[in-house]
Amino acid sequence: MIRRIYLILKTSMPSSSIEDSDPILEECKLDLQEISQKAKQKFESCSEASVVHVARQVDEFVDKFISIETAASSQNAQINRMRNELDELHKHLDSLEGEKAALNIEDSSKMSKILIEPLRSC
């Protein structure tokens, strides 16, 4: 029964939701792999392993799994929030560049008028 729980947990862990580039998540992933390997070795080498000990290892594995899922979810939310902020900044930058271009056109036409006025009076 415990071996079955172990196999279910092992196969249900989505590796695609963990960002490999994040050192914290990578460290947690390595911890999970180490715990998983230890549990597998216990199952293979000790047929008389106590149920309580194995249950603790499974609980530890589940806790680590949950903490990784929470961290990944939190990071995904933060990434989405930052993308939205970046989009808003791009819109604002485009608006400012448009205003700058309009001001440059106005300033150049005013400058032309200022320069042409004295020439007309001569």
PDB file of N, CA and C in Angstrom:
ATOM      1  N   MET A   1       0.827  -1.188   0.000  1.00  0.00           N
ATOM      2  CA  MET A   1       0.000   0.000   0.000  1.00  0.00           C
ATOM      3  C   MET A   1       0.876   1.257   0.000  1.00  0.00           C
ATOM      4  N   ILE A   2       1.885   1.315   0.877  1.00  0.00           N
ATOM      5  CA  ILE A   2       2.757   2.486   0.936  1.00  0.00           C
ATOM      6  C   ILE A   2       3.551   2.609  -0.354  1.00  0.00           C
ATOM      7  N   ARG A   3       3.983   1.488  -0.893  1.00  0.00           N
ATOM      8  CA  ARG A   3       4.695   1.511  -2.179  1.00  0.00           C
ATOM      9  C   ARG A   3       3.794   2.089  -3.267  1.00  0.00           C
ATOM     10  N   ARG A   4       2.541   1.770  -3.224  1.00  0.00           N
ATOM     11  CA  ARG A   4       1.575   2.286  -4.202  1.00  0.00           C
ATOM     12  C   ARG A   4       1.434   3.799  -4.050  1.00  0.00           C
ATOM     13  N   ILE A   5       1.352   4.298  -2.819  1.00  0.00           N
ATOM     14  CA  ILE A   5       1.274   5.749  -2.568  1.00  0.00           C
ATOM     15  C   ILE A   5       2.525   6.424  -3.103  1.00  0.00           C
ATOM     16  N   TYR A   6       3.654   5.826  -2.832  1.00  0.00           N
ATOM     17  CA  TYR A   6       4.927   6.364  -3.331  1.00  0.00           C
ATOM     18  C   TYR A   6       4.915   6.484  -4.850  1.00  0.00           C
ATOM     19  N   LEU A   7       4.485   5.436  -5.526  1.00  0.00           N
ATOM     20  CA  LEU A   7       4.456   5.444  -6.990  1.00  0.00           C
ATOM     21  C   LEU A   7       3.471   6.471  -7.523  1.00  0.00           C
ATOM     22  N   ILE A   8       2.339   6.619  -6.867  1.00  0.00           N
ATOM     23  CA  ILE A   8       1.349   7.616  -7.285  1.00  0.00           C
ATOM     24  C   ILE A   8       1.936   9.016  -7.149  1.00  0.00           C
ATOM     25  N   LEU A   9       2.571   9.292  -6.020  1.00  0.00           N
ATOM     26  CA  LEU A   9       3.181  10.613  -5.812  1.00  0.00           C
ATOM     27  C   LEU A   9       4.293  10.869  -6.813  1.00  0.00           C
ATOM     28  N   LYS A  10       5.088   9.857  -7.070  1.00  0.00           N
ATOM     29  CA  LYS A  10       6.207  10.009  -7.996  1.00  0.00           C
ATOM     30  C   LYS A  10       5.732  10.316  -9.400  1.00  0.00           C
ATOM     31  N   THR A  11       4.708   9.635  -9.850  1.00  0.00           N
ATOM     32  CA  THR A  11       4.224   9.837 -11.220  1.00  0.00           C
ATOM     33  C   THR A  11       3.342  11.053 -11.361  1.00  0.00           C
ATOM     34  N   SER A  12       2.770  11.566 -10.266  1.00  0.00           N
ATOM     35  CA  SER A  12       1.879  12.718 -10.382  1.00  0.00           C
ATOM     36  C   SER A  12       2.608  14.040 -10.297  1.00  0.00           C
ATOM     37  N   MET A  13       3.889  14.056  -9.982  1.00  0.00           N
ATOM     38  CA  MET A  13       4.625  15.308  -9.852  1.00  0.00           C
ATOM     39  C   MET A  13       4.907  15.891 -11.230  1.00  0.00           C
ATOM     40  N   PRO A  14       4.303  17.063 -11.546  1.00  0.00           N
ATOM     41  CA  PRO A  14       4.518  17.646 -12.873  1.00  0.00           C
ATOM     42  C   PRO A  14       5.862  18.339 -12.955  1.00  0.00           C
ATOM     43  N   SER A  15       6.735  17.832 -13.797  1.00  0.00           N
ATOM     44  CA  SER A  15       8.052  18.454 -13.924  1.00  0.00           C
ATOM     45  C   SER A  15       7.984  19.726 -14.737  1.00  0.00           C
ATOM     46  N   SER A  16       6.953  19.912 -15.586  1.00  0.00           N
ATOM     47  CA  SER A  16       6.867  21.103 -16.426  1.00  0.00           C
ATOM     48  C   SER A  16       6.500  22.344 -15.626  1.00  0.00           C
ATOM     49  N   SER A  17       5.921  22.201 -14.429  1.00  0.00           N
ATOM     50  CA  SER A  17       5.543  23.385 -13.661  1.00  0.00           C
ATOM     51  C   SER A  17       6.706  23.937 -12.856  1.00  0.00           C
ATOM     52  N   ILE A  18       7.840  23.254 -12.856  1.00  0.00           N
ATOM     53  CA  ILE A  18       9.005  23.704 -12.092  1.00  0.00           C
ATOM     54  C   ILE A  18       9.984  24.360 -13.050  1.00  0.00           C
ATOM     55  N   GLU A  19      10.323  25.586 -12.753  1.00  0.00           N
ATOM     56  CA  GLU A  19      11.283  26.312 -13.579  1.00  0.00           C
ATOM     57  C   GLU A  19      12.681  25.826 -13.243  1.00  0.00           C
ATOM     58  N   ASP A  20      13.381  25.238 -14.241  1.00  0.00           N
ATOM     59  CA  ASP A  20      14.722  24.735 -14.004  1.00  0.00           C
ATOM     60  C   ASP A  20      15.722  25.866 -13.794  1.00  0.00           C
ATOM     61  N   SER A  21      15.394  27.055 -14.268  1.00  0.00           N
ATOM     62  CA  SER A  21      16.333  28.163 -14.142  1.00  0.00           C
ATOM     63  C   SER A  21      16.307  28.792 -12.754  1.00  0.00           C
ATOM     64  N   ASP A  22      15.328  28.474 -11.930  1.00  0.00           N
ATOM     65  CA  ASP A  22      15.226  29.044 -10.596  1.00  0.00           C
ATOM     66  C   ASP A  22      16.030  28.188  -9.621  1.00  0.00           C
ATOM     67  N   PRO A  23      17.065  28.759  -8.994  1.00  0.00           N
ATOM     68  CA  PRO A  23      17.911  27.950  -8.105  1.00  0.00           C
ATOM     69  C   PRO A  23      17.168  27.405  -6.878  1.00  0.00           C
ATOM     70  N   ILE A  24      16.216  28.136  -6.349  1.00  0.00           N
ATOM     71  CA  ILE A  24      15.479  27.663  -5.173  1.00  0.00           C
ATOM     72  C   ILE A  24      14.628  26.455  -5.544  1.00  0.00           C
ATOM     73  N   LEU A  25      13.900  26.573  -6.654  1.00  0.00           N
ATOM     74  CA  LEU A  25      13.080  25.445  -7.075  1.00  0.00           C
ATOM     75  C   LEU A  25      13.945  24.263  -7.496  1.00  0.00           C
ATOM     76  N   GLU A  26      15.081  24.557  -8.106  1.00  0.00           N
ATOM     77  CA  GLU A  26      15.995  23.482  -8.512  1.00  0.00           C
ATOM     78  C   GLU A  26      16.502  22.740  -7.274  1.00  0.00           C
ATOM     79  N   GLU A  27      16.815  23.487  -6.215  1.00  0.00           N
ATOM     80  CA  GLU A  27      17.284  22.863  -4.975  1.00  0.00           C
ATOM     81  C   GLU A  27      16.181  21.991  -4.365  1.00  0.00           C
ATOM     82  N   CYS A  28      14.956  22.492  -4.366  1.00  0.00           N
ATOM     83  CA  CYS A  28      13.834  21.707  -3.841  1.00  0.00           C
ATOM     84  C   CYS A  28      13.612  20.462  -4.684  1.00  0.00           C
ATOM     85  N   LYS A  29      13.745  20.617  -5.991  1.00  0.00           N
ATOM     86  CA  LYS A  29      13.582  19.468  -6.881  1.00  0.00           C
ATOM     87  C   LYS A  29      14.636  18.409  -6.579  1.00  0.00           C
ATOM     88  N   LEU A  30      15.884  18.843  -6.363  1.00  0.00           N
ATOM     89  CA  LEU A  30      16.946  17.893  -6.029  1.00  0.00           C
ATOM     90  C   LEU A  30      16.678  17.223  -4.690  1.00  0.00           C
ATOM     91  N   ASP A  31      16.156  18.004  -3.713  1.00  0.00           N
ATOM     92  CA  ASP A  31      15.792  17.420  -2.417  1.00  0.00           C
ATOM     93  C   ASP A  31      14.734  16.344  -2.596  1.00  0.00           C
ATOM     94  N   LEU A  32      13.733  16.637  -3.416  1.00  0.00           N
ATOM     95  CA  LEU A  32      12.678  15.653  -3.660  1.00  0.00           C
ATOM     96  C   LEU A  32      13.219  14.397  -4.330  1.00  0.00           C
ATOM     97  N   GLN A  33      14.116  14.596  -5.277  1.00  0.00           N
ATOM     98  CA  GLN A  33      14.698  13.440  -5.949  1.00  0.00           C
ATOM     99  C   GLN A  33      15.496  12.598  -4.960  1.00  0.00           C
ATOM    100  N   GLU A  34      16.222  13.265  -4.061  1.00  0.00           N
ATOM    101  CA  GLU A  34      17.006  12.538  -3.056  1.00  0.00           C
ATOM    102  C   GLU A  34      16.089  11.750  -2.117  1.00  0.00           C
ATOM    103  N   ILE A  35      15.024  12.399  -1.658  1.00  0.00           N
ATOM    104  CA  ILE A  35      14.078  11.722  -0.766  1.00  0.00           C
ATOM    105  C   ILE A  35      13.419  10.557  -1.500  1.00  0.00           C
ATOM    106  N   SER A  36      13.046  10.798  -2.756  1.00  0.00           N
ATOM    107  CA  SER A  36      12.431   9.747  -3.560  1.00  0.00           C
ATOM    108  C   SER A  36      13.374   8.559  -3.720  1.00  0.00           C
ATOM    109  N   GLN A  37      14.636   8.852  -3.979  1.00  0.00           N
ATOM    110  CA  GLN A  37      15.631   7.789  -4.149  1.00  0.00           C
ATOM    111  C   GLN A  37      15.818   7.001  -2.846  1.00  0.00           C
ATOM    112  N   LYS A  38      15.872   7.728  -1.722  1.00  0.00           N
ATOM    113  CA  LYS A  38      16.016   7.052  -0.427  1.00  0.00           C
ATOM    114  C   LYS A  38      14.834   6.131  -0.159  1.00  0.00           C
ATOM    115  N   ALA A  39      13.637   6.634  -0.431  1.00  0.00           N
ATOM    116  CA  ALA A  39      12.441   5.818  -0.204  1.00  0.00           C
ATOM    117  C   ALA A  39      12.458   4.582  -1.099  1.00  0.00           C
ATOM    118  N   LYS A  40      12.865   4.769  -2.342  1.00  0.00           N
ATOM    119  CA  LYS A  40      12.941   3.645  -3.277  1.00  0.00           C
ATOM    120  C   LYS A  40      13.944   2.602  -2.787  1.00  0.00           C
ATOM    121  N   GLN A  41      15.110   3.073  -2.300  1.00  0.00           N
ATOM    122  CA  GLN A  41      16.121   2.144  -1.778  1.00  0.00           C
ATOM    123  C   GLN A  41      15.589   1.386  -0.577  1.00  0.00           C
ATOM    124  N   LYS A  42      14.850   2.074   0.295  1.00  0.00           N
ATOM    125  CA  LYS A  42      14.275   1.407   1.470  1.00  0.00           C
ATOM    126  C   LYS A  42      13.319   0.295   1.040  1.00  0.00           C
ATOM    127  N   PHE A  43      12.490   0.612   0.055  1.00  0.00           N
ATOM    128  CA  PHE A  43      11.534  -0.397  -0.411  1.00  0.00           C
ATOM    129  C   PHE A  43      12.248  -1.595  -1.015  1.00  0.00           C
ATOM    130  N   GLU A  44      13.332  -1.329  -1.742  1.00  0.00           N
ATOM    131  CA  GLU A  44      14.028  -2.411  -2.421  1.00  0.00           C
ATOM    132  C   GLU A  44      14.908  -3.229  -1.482  1.00  0.00           C
ATOM    133  N   SER A  45      15.528  -2.579  -0.495  1.00  0.00           N
ATOM    134  CA  SER A  45      16.516  -3.289   0.322  1.00  0.00           C
ATOM    135  C   SER A  45      15.973  -3.810   1.653  1.00  0.00           C
ATOM    136  N   CYS A  46      15.004  -3.165   2.212  1.00  0.00           N
ATOM    137  CA  CYS A  46      14.509  -3.578   3.538  1.00  0.00           C
ATOM    138  C   CYS A  46      13.062  -4.026   3.456  1.00  0.00           C
ATOM    139  N   SER A  47      12.881  -5.298   3.390  1.00  0.00           N
ATOM    140  CA  SER A  47      11.516  -5.796   3.368  1.00  0.00           C
ATOM    141  C   SER A  47      10.870  -5.665   4.745  1.00  0.00           C
ATOM    142  N   GLU A  48      11.704  -5.569   5.813  1.00  0.00           N
ATOM    143  CA  GLU A  48      11.153  -5.457   7.169  1.00  0.00           C
ATOM    144  C   GLU A  48      11.126  -4.011   7.674  1.00  0.00           C
ATOM    145  N   ALA A  49      11.234  -3.032   6.768  1.00  0.00           N
ATOM    146  CA  ALA A  49      11.206  -1.611   7.166  1.00  0.00           C
ATOM    147  C   ALA A  49       9.889  -1.310   7.876  1.00  0.00           C
ATOM    148  N   SER A  50      10.008  -0.530   8.913  1.00  0.00           N
ATOM    149  CA  SER A  50       8.801  -0.242   9.692  1.00  0.00           C
ATOM    150  C   SER A  50       7.857   0.672   8.916  1.00  0.00           C
ATOM    151  N   VAL A  51       6.612   0.426   9.068  1.00  0.00           N
ATOM    152  CA  VAL A  51       5.575   1.194   8.388  1.00  0.00           C
ATOM    153  C   VAL A  51       5.613   2.650   8.845  1.00  0.00           C
ATOM    154  N   VAL A  52       5.891   2.862  10.124  1.00  0.00           N
ATOM    155  CA  VAL A  52       5.942   4.222  10.665  1.00  0.00           C
ATOM    156  C   VAL A  52       7.069   5.015  10.003  1.00  0.00           C
ATOM    157  N   HIS A  53       8.223   4.419   9.871  1.00  0.00           N
ATOM    158  CA  HIS A  53       9.366   5.094   9.256  1.00  0.00           C
ATOM    159  C   HIS A  53       9.075   5.443   7.798  1.00  0.00           C
ATOM    160  N   VAL A  54       8.527   4.502   7.081  1.00  0.00           N
ATOM    161  CA  VAL A  54       8.204   4.741   5.670  1.00  0.00           C
ATOM    162  C   VAL A  54       7.108   5.801   5.562  1.00  0.00           C
ATOM    163  N   ALA A  55       6.142   5.755   6.448  1.00  0.00           N
ATOM    164  CA  ALA A  55       5.066   6.750   6.428  1.00  0.00           C
ATOM    165  C   ALA A  55       5.619   8.149   6.662  1.00  0.00           C
ATOM    166  N   ARG A  56       6.603   8.278   7.575  1.00  0.00           N
ATOM    167  CA  ARG A  56       7.246   9.582   7.801  1.00  0.00           C
ATOM    168  C   ARG A  56       7.940  10.072   6.540  1.00  0.00           C
ATOM    169  N   GLN A  57       8.617   9.157   5.861  1.00  0.00           N
ATOM    170  CA  GLN A  57       9.302   9.546   4.621  1.00  0.00           C
ATOM    171  C   GLN A  57       8.300   9.986   3.559  1.00  0.00           C
ATOM    172  N   VAL A  58       7.190   9.298   3.466  1.00  0.00           N
ATOM    173  CA  VAL A  58       6.163   9.681   2.503  1.00  0.00           C
ATOM    174  C   VAL A  58       5.596  11.051   2.866  1.00  0.00           C
ATOM    175  N   ASP A  59       5.349  11.284   4.161  1.00  0.00           N
ATOM    176  CA  ASP A  59       4.855  12.590   4.605  1.00  0.00           C
ATOM    177  C   ASP A  59       5.848  13.698   4.265  1.00  0.00           C
ATOM    178  N   GLU A  60       7.117  13.423   4.496  1.00  0.00           N
ATOM    179  CA  GLU A  60       8.154  14.403   4.164  1.00  0.00           C
ATOM    180  C   GLU A  60       8.157  14.704   2.665  1.00  0.00           C
ATOM    181  N   PHE A  61       8.026  13.670   1.882  1.00  0.00           N
ATOM    182  CA  PHE A  61       7.975  13.818   0.426  1.00  0.00           C
ATOM    183  C   PHE A  61       6.771  14.663   0.005  1.00  0.00           C
ATOM    184  N   VAL A  62       5.626  14.384   0.577  1.00  0.00           N
ATOM    185  CA  VAL A  62       4.404  15.128   0.259  1.00  0.00           C
ATOM    186  C   VAL A  62       4.550  16.595   0.661  1.00  0.00           C
ATOM    187  N   ASP A  63       5.113  16.849   1.835  1.00  0.00           N
ATOM    188  CA  ASP A  63       5.319  18.229   2.287  1.00  0.00           C
ATOM    189  C   ASP A  63       6.234  18.994   1.334  1.00  0.00           C
ATOM    190  N   LYS A  64       7.320  18.364   0.918  1.00  0.00           N
ATOM    191  CA  LYS A  64       8.235  19.006  -0.039  1.00  0.00           C
ATOM    192  C   LYS A  64       7.521  19.270  -1.357  1.00  0.00           C
ATOM    193  N   PHE A  65       6.744  18.310  -1.807  1.00  0.00           N
ATOM    194  CA  PHE A  65       6.007  18.441  -3.060  1.00  0.00           C
ATOM    195  C   PHE A  65       5.060  19.638  -2.994  1.00  0.00           C
ATOM    196  N   ILE A  66       4.332  19.754  -1.900  1.00  0.00           N
ATOM    197  CA  ILE A  66       3.387  20.860  -1.720  1.00  0.00           C
ATOM    198  C   ILE A  66       4.119  22.196  -1.685  1.00  0.00           C
ATOM    199  N   SER A  67       5.260  22.250  -0.997  1.00  0.00           N
ATOM    200  CA  SER A  67       5.996  23.515  -0.923  1.00  0.00           C
ATOM    201  C   SER A  67       6.530  23.926  -2.295  1.00  0.00           C
ATOM    202  N   ILE A  68       6.944  22.973  -3.107  1.00  0.00           N
ATOM    203  CA  ILE A  68       7.413  23.288  -4.462  1.00  0.00           C
ATOM    204  C   ILE A  68       6.254  23.781  -5.325  1.00  0.00           C
ATOM    205  N   GLU A  69       5.128  23.127  -5.235  1.00  0.00           N
ATOM    206  CA  GLU A  69       3.958  23.563  -5.999  1.00  0.00           C
ATOM    207  C   GLU A  69       3.543  24.977  -5.591  1.00  0.00           C
ATOM    208  N   THR A  70       3.581  25.273  -4.306  1.00  0.00           N
ATOM    209  CA  THR A  70       3.222  26.606  -3.821  1.00  0.00           C
ATOM    210  C   THR A  70       4.212  27.642  -4.337  1.00  0.00           C
ATOM    211  N   ALA A  71       5.504  27.323  -4.267  1.00  0.00           N
ATOM    212  CA  ALA A  71       6.526  28.250  -4.751  1.00  0.00           C
ATOM    213  C   ALA A  71       6.378  28.486  -6.248  1.00  0.00           C
ATOM    214  N   ALA A  72       6.134  27.440  -7.004  1.00  0.00           N
ATOM    215  CA  ALA A  72       5.975  27.579  -8.459  1.00  0.00           C
ATOM    216  C   ALA A  72       4.747  28.416  -8.786  1.00  0.00           C
ATOM    217  N   SER A  73       3.666  28.189  -8.086  1.00  0.00           N
ATOM    218  CA  SER A  73       2.442  28.956  -8.316  1.00  0.00           C
ATOM    219  C   SER A  73       2.661  30.431  -7.991  1.00  0.00           C
ATOM    220  N   SER A  74       3.329  30.686  -6.879  1.00  0.00           N
ATOM    221  CA  SER A  74       3.622  32.061  -6.482  1.00  0.00           C
ATOM    222  C   SER A  74       4.505  32.751  -7.506  1.00  0.00           C
ATOM    223  N   GLN A  75       5.500  32.039  -7.997  1.00  0.00           N
ATOM    224  CA  GLN A  75       6.391  32.635  -8.998  1.00  0.00           C
ATOM    225  C   GLN A  75       5.665  32.878 -10.309  1.00  0.00           C
ATOM    226  N   ASN A  76       4.796  31.985 -10.699  1.00  0.00           N
ATOM    227  CA  ASN A  76       4.021  32.197 -11.924  1.00  0.00           C
ATOM    228  C   ASN A  76       3.139  33.434 -11.802  1.00  0.00           C
ATOM    229  N   ALA A  77       2.524  33.619 -10.644  1.00  0.00           N
ATOM    230  CA  ALA A  77       1.697  34.810 -10.425  1.00  0.00           C
ATOM    231  C   ALA A  77       2.553  36.075 -10.484  1.00  0.00           C
ATOM    232  N   GLN A  78       3.726  36.027  -9.889  1.00  0.00           N
ATOM    233  CA  GLN A  78       4.625  37.178  -9.910  1.00  0.00           C
ATOM    234  C   GLN A  78       5.095  37.481 -11.340  1.00  0.00           C
ATOM    235  N   ILE A  79       5.391  36.460 -12.107  1.00  0.00           N
ATOM    236  CA  ILE A  79       5.806  36.645 -13.505  1.00  0.00           C
ATOM    237  C   ILE A  79       4.674  37.297 -14.305  1.00  0.00           C
ATOM    238  N   ASN A  80       3.454  36.832 -14.115  1.00  0.00           N
ATOM    239  CA  ASN A  80       2.313  37.419 -14.829  1.00  0.00           C
ATOM    240  C   ASN A  80       2.105  38.872 -14.443  1.00  0.00           C
ATOM    241  N   ARG A  81       2.244  39.180 -13.158  1.00  0.00           N
ATOM    242  CA  ARG A  81       2.103  40.562 -12.689  1.00  0.00           C
ATOM    243  C   ARG A  81       3.184  41.448 -13.306  1.00  0.00           C
ATOM    244  N   MET A  82       4.410  40.945 -13.363  1.00  0.00           N
ATOM    245  CA  MET A  82       5.507  41.724 -13.944  1.00  0.00           C
ATOM    246  C   MET A  82       5.304  41.925 -15.445  1.00  0.00           C
ATOM    247  N   ARG A  83       4.773  40.928 -16.137  1.00  0.00           N
ATOM    248  CA  ARG A  83       4.477  41.078 -17.571  1.00  0.00           C
ATOM    249  C   ARG A  83       3.449  42.182 -17.791  1.00  0.00           C
ATOM    250  N   ASN A  84       2.406  42.204 -16.949  1.00  0.00           N
ATOM    251  CA  ASN A  84       1.387  43.240 -17.058  1.00  0.00           C
ATOM    252  C   ASN A  84       1.984  44.625 -16.807  1.00  0.00           C
ATOM    253  N   GLU A  85       2.828  44.734 -15.796  1.00  0.00           N
ATOM    254  CA  GLU A  85       3.481  46.008 -15.507  1.00  0.00           C
ATOM    255  C   GLU A  85       4.362  46.441 -16.669  1.00  0.00           C
ATOM    256  N   LEU A  86       5.071  45.504 -17.265  1.00  0.00           N
ATOM    257  CA  LEU A  86       5.929  45.809 -18.407  1.00  0.00           C
ATOM    258  C   LEU A  86       5.104  46.289 -19.600  1.00  0.00           C
ATOM    259  N   ASP A  87       3.972  45.648 -19.838  1.00  0.00           N
ATOM    260  CA  ASP A  87       3.089  46.090 -20.920  1.00  0.00           C
ATOM    261  C   ASP A  87       2.621  47.530 -20.685  1.00  0.00           C
ATOM    262  N   GLU A  88       2.247  47.846 -19.455  1.00  0.00           N
ATOM    263  CA  GLU A  88       1.814  49.207 -19.128  1.00  0.00           C
ATOM    264  C   GLU A  88       2.956  50.206 -19.324  1.00  0.00           C
ATOM    265  N   LEU A  89       4.162  49.826 -18.927  1.00  0.00           N
ATOM    266  CA  LEU A  89       5.311  50.708 -19.116  1.00  0.00           C
ATOM    267  C   LEU A  89       5.596  50.943 -20.599  1.00  0.00           C
ATOM    268  N   HIS A  90       5.453  49.912 -21.419  1.00  0.00           N
ATOM    269  CA  HIS A  90       5.649  50.067 -22.863  1.00  0.00           C
ATOM    270  C   HIS A  90       4.610  51.028 -23.449  1.00  0.00           C
ATOM    271  N   LYS A  91       3.356  50.889 -23.012  1.00  0.00           N
ATOM    272  CA  LYS A  91       2.306  51.799 -23.484  1.00  0.00           C
ATOM    273  C   LYS A  91       2.627  53.237 -23.097  1.00  0.00           C
ATOM    274  N   HIS A  92       3.055  53.420 -21.856  1.00  0.00           N
ATOM    275  CA  HIS A  92       3.389  54.758 -21.367  1.00  0.00           C
ATOM    276  C   HIS A  92       4.581  55.322 -22.142  1.00  0.00           C
ATOM    277  N   LEU A  93       5.576  54.501 -22.401  1.00  0.00           N
ATOM    278  CA  LEU A  93       6.752  54.930 -23.160  1.00  0.00           C
ATOM    279  C   LEU A  93       6.363  55.333 -24.579  1.00  0.00           C
ATOM    280  N   ASP A  94       5.514  54.537 -25.216  1.00  0.00           N
ATOM    281  CA  ASP A  94       5.041  54.880 -26.561  1.00  0.00           C
ATOM    282  C   ASP A  94       4.312  56.220 -26.557  1.00  0.00           C
ATOM    283  N   SER A  95       3.497  56.436 -25.541  1.00  0.00           N
ATOM    284  CA  SER A  95       2.766  57.691 -25.419  1.00  0.00           C
ATOM    285  C   SER A  95       3.729  58.872 -25.261  1.00  0.00           C
ATOM    286  N   LEU A  96       4.737  58.696 -24.408  1.00  0.00           N
ATOM    287  CA  LEU A  96       5.720  59.764 -24.203  1.00  0.00           C
ATOM    288  C   LEU A  96       6.525  60.039 -25.463  1.00  0.00           C
ATOM    289  N   GLU A  97       6.872  58.996 -26.202  1.00  0.00           N
ATOM    290  CA  GLU A  97       7.613  59.192 -27.446  1.00  0.00           C
ATOM    291  C   GLU A  97       6.759  59.947 -28.466  1.00  0.00           C
ATOM    292  N   GLY A  98       5.457  59.662 -28.515  1.00  0.00           N
ATOM    293  CA  GLY A  98       4.544  60.390 -29.395  1.00  0.00           C
ATOM    294  C   GLY A  98       4.464  61.860 -29.020  1.00  0.00           C
ATOM    295  N   GLU A  99       4.369  62.123 -27.711  1.00  0.00           N
ATOM    296  CA  GLU A  99       4.336  63.508 -27.236  1.00  0.00           C
ATOM    297  C   GLU A  99       5.633  64.236 -27.571  1.00  0.00           C
ATOM    298  N   LYS A 100       6.754  63.543 -27.420  1.00  0.00           N
ATOM    299  CA  LYS A 100       8.054  64.144 -27.727  1.00  0.00           C
ATOM    300  C   LYS A 100       8.137  64.498 -29.211  1.00  0.00           C
ATOM    301  N   ALA A 101       7.679  63.591 -30.064  1.00  0.00           N
ATOM    302  CA  ALA A 101       7.707  63.851 -31.502  1.00  0.00           C
ATOM    303  C   ALA A 101       6.826  65.046 -31.844  1.00  0.00           C
ATOM    304  N   ALA A 102       5.653  65.145 -31.227  1.00  0.00           N
ATOM    305  CA  ALA A 102       4.754  66.277 -31.467  1.00  0.00           C
ATOM    306  C   ALA A 102       5.399  67.580 -31.019  1.00  0.00           C
ATOM    307  N   LEU A 103       6.059  67.561 -29.869  1.00  0.00           N
ATOM    308  CA  LEU A 103       6.730  68.768 -29.373  1.00  0.00           C
ATOM    309  C   LEU A 103       7.877  69.171 -30.295  1.00  0.00           C
ATOM    310  N   ASN A 104       8.611  68.204 -30.805  1.00  0.00           N
ATOM    311  CA  ASN A 104       9.712  68.513 -31.724  1.00  0.00           C
ATOM    312  C   ASN A 104       9.191  69.166 -32.994  1.00  0.00           C
ATOM    313  N   ILE A 105       8.055  68.700 -33.499  1.00  0.00           N
ATOM    314  CA  ILE A 105       7.459  69.292 -34.703  1.00  0.00           C
ATOM    315  C   ILE A 105       7.020  70.725 -34.413  1.00  0.00           C
ATOM    316  N   GLU A 106       6.340  70.938 -33.281  1.00  0.00           N
ATOM    317  CA  GLU A 106       5.897  72.284 -32.900  1.00  0.00           C
ATOM    318  C   GLU A 106       7.087  73.212 -32.717  1.00  0.00           C
ATOM    319  N   ASP A 107       8.117  72.732 -32.012  1.00  0.00           N
ATOM    320  CA  ASP A 107       9.296  73.560 -31.765  1.00  0.00           C
ATOM    321  C   ASP A 107      10.008  73.920 -33.058  1.00  0.00           C
ATOM    322  N   SER A 108      10.107  72.985 -33.995  1.00  0.00           N
ATOM    323  CA  SER A 108      10.798  73.280 -35.241  1.00  0.00           C
ATOM    324  C   SER A 108      10.001  74.270 -36.088  1.00  0.00           C
ATOM    325  N   SER A 109       8.656  74.195 -36.075  1.00  0.00           N
ATOM    326  CA  SER A 109       7.864  75.165 -36.843  1.00  0.00           C
ATOM    327  C   SER A 109       7.937  76.541 -36.199  1.00  0.00           C
ATOM    328  N   LYS A 110       7.950  76.601 -34.855  1.00  0.00           N
ATOM    329  CA  LYS A 110       8.112  77.890 -34.165  1.00  0.00           C
ATOM    330  C   LYS A 110       9.479  78.486 -34.470  1.00  0.00           C
ATOM    331  N   MET A 111      10.494  77.647 -34.489  1.00  0.00           N
ATOM    332  CA  MET A 111      11.848  78.113 -34.771  1.00  0.00           C
ATOM    333  C   MET A 111      11.930  78.655 -36.194  1.00  0.00           C
ATOM    334  N   SER A 112      11.283  77.978 -37.120  1.00  0.00           N
ATOM    335  CA  SER A 112      11.269  78.451 -38.507  1.00  0.00           C
ATOM    336  C   SER A 112      10.610  79.820 -38.594  1.00  0.00           C
ATOM    337  N   LYS A 113       9.495  79.999 -37.892  1.00  0.00           N
ATOM    338  CA  LYS A 113       8.805  81.297 -37.895  1.00  0.00           C
ATOM    339  C   LYS A 113       9.693  82.383 -37.306  1.00  0.00           C
ATOM    340  N   ILE A 114      10.368  82.062 -36.230  1.00  0.00           N
ATOM    341  CA  ILE A 114      11.249  83.042 -35.578  1.00  0.00           C
ATOM    342  C   ILE A 114      12.378  83.437 -36.516  1.00  0.00           C
ATOM    343  N   LEU A 115      12.932  82.479 -37.229  1.00  0.00           N
ATOM    344  CA  LEU A 115      14.027  82.764 -38.144  1.00  0.00           C
ATOM    345  C   LEU A 115      13.556  83.493 -39.410  1.00  0.00           C
ATOM    346  N   ILE A 116      12.361  83.185 -39.895  1.00  0.00           N
ATOM    347  CA  ILE A 116      11.860  83.799 -41.108  1.00  0.00           C
ATOM    348  C   ILE A 116      11.386  85.230 -40.874  1.00  0.00           C
ATOM    349  N   GLU A 117      10.836  85.553 -39.733  1.00  0.00           N
ATOM    350  CA  GLU A 117      10.301  86.898 -39.423  1.00  0.00           C
ATOM    351  C   GLU A 117      11.352  88.000 -39.667  1.00  0.00           C
ATOM    352  N   PRO A 118      12.551  87.899 -39.120  1.00  0.00           N
ATOM    353  CA  PRO A 118      13.506  88.993 -39.370  1.00  0.00           C
ATOM    354  C   PRO A 118      13.880  89.120 -40.840  1.00  0.00           C
ATOM    355  N   LEU A 119      13.871  88.006 -41.565  1.00  0.00           N
ATOM    356  CA  LEU A 119      14.227  88.056 -42.981  1.00  0.00           C
ATOM    357  C   LEU A 119      13.136  88.751 -43.788  1.00  0.00           C
ATOM    358  N   ARG A 120      11.907  88.638 -43.404  1.00  0.00           N
ATOM    359  CA  ARG A 120      10.788  89.271 -44.120  1.00  0.00           C
ATOM    360  C   ARG A 120      10.797  90.788 -43.927  1.00  0.00           C
ATOM    361  N   SER A 121      11.248  91.203 -42.772  1.00  0.00           N
ATOM    362  CA  SER A 121      11.227  92.638 -42.491  1.00  0.00           C
ATOM    363  C   SER A 121      12.341  93.382 -43.216  1.00  0.00           C
ATOM    364  N   CYS A 122      13.312  92.704 -43.758  1.00  0.00           N
ATOM    365  CA  CYS A 122      14.425  93.361 -44.444  1.00  0.00           C
ATOM    366  C   CYS A 122      14.115  93.723 -45.821  1.00  0.00           C
TER     367      CYS A 122
END
